[in-house]
């Protein structure tokens, strides 16, 4: 009886749905109350939006060479963190996945470390790293590497676990060792999903490298923060144009790569 699916009556279904809606509404109202939003002031100040937007009409083309160079620096930080993180994440994912982990203790430790990395924002990591090794591209790369591994290890481990254990058990039955199982039995079947997850993470890495640059680790974010502090709207617009152009290009490349991988 316990293994059978119990079908709810229409009345019970409506009651359950109503309860869920009431709970969602209650959470929304509590959140709205805790934020203490001043919507009246927001509406009153909407009239200033036109004046502020008018400041962004200016475009300072003289900053474009520096902006492109710094954007390439941000791109290099993102690529370096992704390349190193990809290799590390593959190894850790096989050690953490339930069906390939050689030890449950090791798997638990890795999953706990990944959970901690994912729970702490990248900006917090960069502040701790900067306090240790100072400002610069190295700090940005290390901070981005942590968040990259936190994302990819979880994604890769999920892909490995979704593959199932039948082929793994079959290889174990014929005496294959752990490395043989990983390299010949599992990796060929999941490498496509690994590359797909990596292409998705690449876009996030570029965005985060720009954000981290705003706290002084190098790249176009530093240039953008300097323009903002000087209220130089012409430079701000030009820098944002470079960022958006690069992001659109990366999006097109990543989409094309995912299509080729999934064929």
Protein backbone atom coordinates (compact mmCIF):
# COMPACT_ATOMS: atom_id res chain seq x y z
CA UNK A 1 0.00 0.00 0.00
CA UNK A 2 2.87 2.31 0.85
CA UNK A 3 4.35 1.92 -2.65
CA UNK A 4 1.16 2.98 -4.43
CA UNK A 5 0.49 6.51 -5.57
CA UNK A 6 -2.48 7.99 -3.74
CA UNK A 7 -4.69 10.05 -6.04
CA UNK A 8 -6.23 13.13 -4.46
CA UNK A 9 -9.91 13.88 -4.88
CA UNK A 10 -10.88 17.16 -6.65
CA UNK A 11 -11.84 18.72 -3.31
CA UNK A 12 -8.54 17.71 -1.68
CA UNK A 13 -6.59 18.96 -4.70
CA UNK A 14 -8.32 22.35 -4.56
CA UNK A 15 -7.67 22.57 -0.81
CA UNK A 16 -3.99 21.72 -1.29
CA UNK A 17 -3.64 24.26 -4.11
CA UNK A 18 -5.36 26.94 -2.04
CA UNK A 19 -3.00 26.21 0.87
CA UNK A 20 0.05 26.57 -1.37
CA UNK A 21 -1.23 29.87 -2.79
CA UNK A 22 -1.95 31.21 0.70
CA UNK A 23 1.57 30.22 1.81
CA UNK A 24 3.14 31.95 -1.21
CA UNK A 25 1.06 35.08 -0.58
CA UNK A 26 2.07 35.08 3.10
CA UNK A 27 5.77 34.79 2.22
CA UNK A 28 5.41 37.65 -0.27
CA UNK A 29 3.65 39.90 2.23
CA UNK A 30 6.22 39.17 4.96
CA UNK A 31 9.09 39.89 2.56
CA UNK A 32 7.42 43.10 1.38
CA UNK A 33 6.92 44.22 4.99
CA UNK A 34 10.50 43.42 6.03
CA UNK A 35 11.96 45.47 3.15
CA UNK A 36 10.07 48.60 4.27
CA UNK A 37 9.76 49.79 0.67
CA UNK A 38 8.82 53.43 0.10
CA UNK A 39 6.86 53.20 -3.15
CA UNK A 40 5.49 56.73 -2.80
CA UNK A 41 8.98 58.23 -2.87
CA UNK A 42 9.91 55.94 -5.78
CA UNK A 43 6.96 57.19 -7.85
CA UNK A 44 7.66 60.81 -6.93
CA UNK A 45 11.27 60.55 -8.11
CA UNK A 46 10.50 58.85 -11.40
CA UNK A 47 10.41 62.34 -12.89
CA UNK A 48 14.20 62.53 -12.44
CA UNK A 49 14.72 59.51 -14.67
CA UNK A 50 14.66 61.56 -17.87
CA UNK A 51 17.30 63.97 -16.58
CA UNK A 52 19.58 61.11 -15.55
CA UNK A 53 19.12 59.25 -18.83
CA UNK A 54 19.99 62.41 -20.76
CA UNK A 55 23.46 62.31 -19.18
CA UNK A 56 24.08 58.92 -20.77
CA UNK A 57 23.62 60.23 -24.31
CA UNK A 58 27.26 61.29 -24.36
CA UNK A 59 29.80 58.85 -25.80
CA UNK A 60 33.53 59.27 -25.17
CA UNK A 61 35.23 57.30 -27.95
CA UNK A 62 38.71 58.17 -26.66
CA UNK A 63 38.39 55.51 -23.96
CA UNK A 64 37.66 52.70 -26.44
CA UNK A 65 41.27 51.49 -26.94
CA UNK A 66 41.80 51.23 -23.17
CA UNK A 67 38.35 49.67 -22.69
CA UNK A 68 38.99 47.00 -25.33
CA UNK A 69 42.41 46.20 -23.84
CA UNK A 70 40.97 45.93 -20.31
CA UNK A 71 38.07 43.84 -21.61
CA UNK A 72 40.59 41.42 -23.08
CA UNK A 73 42.26 41.29 -19.65
CA UNK A 74 38.91 40.41 -18.05
CA UNK A 75 38.40 37.80 -20.76
CA UNK A 76 41.84 36.33 -20.07
CA UNK A 77 41.07 36.09 -16.35
CA UNK A 78 37.78 34.33 -17.13
CA UNK A 79 39.40 31.88 -19.56
CA UNK A 80 42.33 31.07 -17.25
CA UNK A 81 40.01 30.40 -14.30
CA UNK A 82 37.75 28.28 -16.50
CA UNK A 83 40.59 26.19 -17.96
CA UNK A 84 42.13 25.39 -14.58
CA UNK A 85 38.72 24.97 -12.96
CA UNK A 86 37.60 22.55 -15.69
CA UNK A 87 40.51 20.18 -15.04
CA UNK A 88 40.17 20.35 -11.25
CA UNK A 89 36.39 19.95 -11.41
CA UNK A 90 36.53 16.79 -13.52
CA UNK A 91 38.79 15.09 -10.97
CA UNK A 92 36.75 16.25 -7.98
CA UNK A 93 33.42 15.38 -9.63
CA UNK A 94 34.40 11.73 -10.09
CA UNK A 95 35.55 11.63 -6.46
CA UNK A 96 32.26 13.18 -5.31
CA UNK A 97 29.65 11.43 -7.49
CA UNK A 98 27.79 8.70 -5.61
CA UNK A 99 28.32 6.03 -8.28
CA UNK A 100 32.05 6.65 -8.86
CA UNK A 101 33.31 7.87 -5.48
CA UNK A 102 36.01 5.52 -4.14
CA UNK A 103 35.17 6.62 -0.60
CA UNK A 104 31.99 8.02 0.92
CA UNK A 105 34.07 10.07 3.33
CA UNK A 106 36.01 11.72 0.49
CA UNK A 107 32.76 12.34 -1.40
CA UNK A 108 31.18 13.96 1.65
CA UNK A 109 34.21 16.20 2.22
CA UNK A 110 34.24 17.37 -1.40
CA UNK A 111 30.50 18.03 -1.46
CA UNK A 112 30.75 19.97 1.81
CA UNK A 113 33.60 22.09 0.43
CA UNK A 114 31.64 22.78 -2.76
CA UNK A 115 28.58 23.77 -0.72
CA UNK A 116 30.68 26.23 1.30
CA UNK A 117 32.24 27.72 -1.85
CA UNK A 118 28.84 28.15 -3.48
CA UNK A 119 27.35 29.68 -0.33
CA UNK A 120 29.97 32.44 -0.11
CA UNK A 121 29.63 35.18 -2.80
CA UNK A 122 32.56 35.78 -5.14
CA UNK A 123 32.99 39.32 -3.80
CA UNK A 124 33.58 37.93 -0.30
CA UNK A 125 36.17 35.49 -1.63
CA UNK A 126 37.96 38.28 -3.49
CA UNK A 127 38.11 40.42 -0.35
CA UNK A 128 39.72 37.57 1.59
CA UNK A 129 42.14 36.78 -1.25
CA UNK A 130 43.08 40.44 -1.73
CA UNK A 131 43.81 40.67 1.99
CA UNK A 132 46.19 37.72 1.57
CA UNK A 133 47.99 38.35 -1.73
CA UNK A 134 47.02 41.92 -2.62
CA UNK A 135 45.22 43.43 -5.61
CA UNK A 136 45.80 42.35 -9.18
CA UNK A 137 44.92 39.83 -11.85
CA UNK A 138 46.16 36.89 -9.76
CA UNK A 139 43.65 37.64 -7.01
CA UNK A 140 40.85 37.87 -9.58
CA UNK A 141 41.82 34.60 -11.22
CA UNK A 142 41.99 32.74 -7.88
CA UNK A 143 38.62 34.12 -6.73
CA UNK A 144 37.03 33.22 -10.05
CA UNK A 145 38.62 29.77 -9.91
CA UNK A 146 36.88 29.06 -6.60
CA UNK A 147 33.44 29.99 -7.89
CA UNK A 148 34.10 28.10 -11.14
CA UNK A 149 34.98 24.90 -9.27
CA UNK A 150 31.98 25.36 -6.97
CA UNK A 151 29.68 25.45 -10.00
CA UNK A 152 31.32 22.84 -12.23
CA UNK A 153 31.97 20.17 -9.57
CA UNK A 154 28.28 20.14 -8.65
CA UNK A 155 27.16 20.13 -12.30
CA UNK A 156 29.67 17.45 -13.36
CA UNK A 157 28.85 15.20 -10.39
CA UNK A 158 25.14 15.42 -11.23
CA UNK A 159 25.87 14.42 -14.84
CA UNK A 160 27.92 11.44 -13.68
CA UNK A 161 25.20 10.28 -11.28
CA UNK A 162 22.54 10.60 -14.00
CA UNK A 163 24.49 8.15 -16.18
CA UNK A 164 23.50 5.32 -13.87
CA UNK A 165 25.49 2.51 -12.29
CA UNK A 166 24.80 -0.44 -14.62
CA UNK A 167 27.88 0.03 -16.85
CA UNK A 168 30.01 0.83 -13.82
CA UNK A 169 28.96 -2.35 -12.03
CA UNK A 170 29.56 -4.36 -15.20
CA UNK A 171 33.13 -3.06 -15.48
CA UNK A 172 33.75 -3.74 -11.80
CA UNK A 173 32.50 -7.30 -12.31
CA UNK A 174 35.20 -7.95 -14.93
CA UNK A 175 37.93 -6.57 -12.66
CA UNK A 176 38.37 -3.04 -14.01
CA UNK A 177 40.11 -0.65 -11.63
CA UNK A 178 38.80 2.80 -10.67
CA UNK A 179 40.79 4.68 -13.30
CA UNK A 180 39.66 2.27 -16.00
CA UNK A 181 36.03 2.68 -14.99
CA UNK A 182 36.32 6.48 -15.01
CA UNK A 183 38.30 6.87 -18.24
CA UNK A 184 36.66 4.14 -20.35
CA UNK A 185 33.28 3.51 -18.79
CA UNK A 186 32.00 6.90 -17.64
CA UNK A 187 33.96 9.80 -19.13
CA UNK A 188 33.11 9.12 -22.82
CA UNK A 189 29.41 9.21 -22.00
CA UNK A 190 29.45 12.44 -19.98
CA UNK A 191 32.08 14.55 -21.74
CA UNK A 192 29.39 16.15 -23.92
CA UNK A 193 27.41 17.35 -20.91
CA UNK A 194 30.68 18.48 -19.26
CA UNK A 195 31.46 20.71 -22.24
CA UNK A 196 27.89 22.04 -22.29
CA UNK A 197 28.06 22.99 -18.59
CA UNK A 198 31.47 24.56 -19.18
CA UNK A 199 30.20 26.76 -22.02
CA UNK A 200 27.40 27.99 -19.76
CA UNK A 201 29.90 28.73 -16.98
CA UNK A 202 32.13 30.62 -19.43
CA UNK A 203 29.49 33.32 -19.82
CA UNK A 204 29.14 33.64 -16.05
CA UNK A 205 32.91 33.86 -15.66
CA UNK A 206 33.13 36.86 -17.95
CA UNK A 207 30.32 38.63 -16.11
CA UNK A 208 31.93 37.90 -12.75
CA UNK A 209 35.38 38.99 -13.97
CA UNK A 210 33.89 42.39 -14.85
CA UNK A 211 32.24 42.62 -11.42
CA UNK A 212 35.41 41.58 -9.59
CA UNK A 213 37.33 44.20 -11.55
CA UNK A 214 35.18 46.85 -9.89
CA UNK A 215 36.79 46.01 -6.54
CA UNK A 216 40.30 46.40 -7.89
CA UNK A 217 41.49 43.05 -9.26
CA UNK A 218 42.07 44.29 -12.80
CA UNK A 219 40.23 44.26 -16.08
CA UNK A 220 37.52 46.47 -17.46
CA UNK A 221 35.64 46.58 -14.16
CA UNK A 222 38.42 48.73 -12.69
CA UNK A 223 38.18 51.13 -15.62
CA UNK A 224 34.39 51.28 -15.25
CA UNK A 225 34.58 51.94 -11.52
CA UNK A 226 37.04 54.79 -12.11
CA UNK A 227 34.69 56.41 -14.64
CA UNK A 228 31.74 56.03 -12.24
CA UNK A 229 33.66 57.64 -9.38
CA UNK A 230 34.46 60.59 -11.66
CA UNK A 231 30.85 60.86 -12.89
CA UNK A 232 32.21 60.74 -16.43
CA UNK A 233 29.05 59.60 -18.22
CA UNK A 234 30.63 59.63 -21.68
CA UNK A 235 33.29 57.15 -20.59
CA UNK A 236 30.75 55.06 -18.69
CA UNK A 237 28.60 54.67 -21.81
CA UNK A 238 31.59 53.77 -23.99
CA UNK A 239 32.86 51.19 -21.49
CA UNK A 240 29.39 49.66 -21.14
CA UNK A 241 29.14 49.48 -24.95
CA UNK A 242 32.37 47.46 -25.05
CA UNK A 243 31.15 45.11 -22.30
CA UNK A 244 27.78 44.54 -23.97
CA UNK A 245 29.41 43.96 -27.38
CA UNK A 246 31.81 41.36 -25.98
CA UNK A 247 29.04 39.64 -24.02
CA UNK A 248 26.84 39.38 -27.10
CA UNK A 249 29.75 37.90 -29.06
CA UNK A 250 30.49 35.38 -26.31
CA UNK A 251 26.80 34.46 -26.13
CA UNK A 252 26.73 33.74 -29.87
CA UNK A 253 29.92 31.65 -29.69
CA UNK A 254 28.74 29.72 -26.62
CA UNK A 255 25.35 29.00 -28.21
CA UNK A 256 27.01 27.73 -31.39
CA UNK A 257 29.34 25.49 -29.37
CA UNK A 258 26.44 24.02 -27.35
CA UNK A 259 24.57 23.23 -30.56
CA UNK A 260 27.58 21.39 -31.98
CA UNK A 261 28.10 19.49 -28.73
CA UNK A 262 24.45 18.42 -28.49
CA UNK A 263 24.28 17.15 -32.08
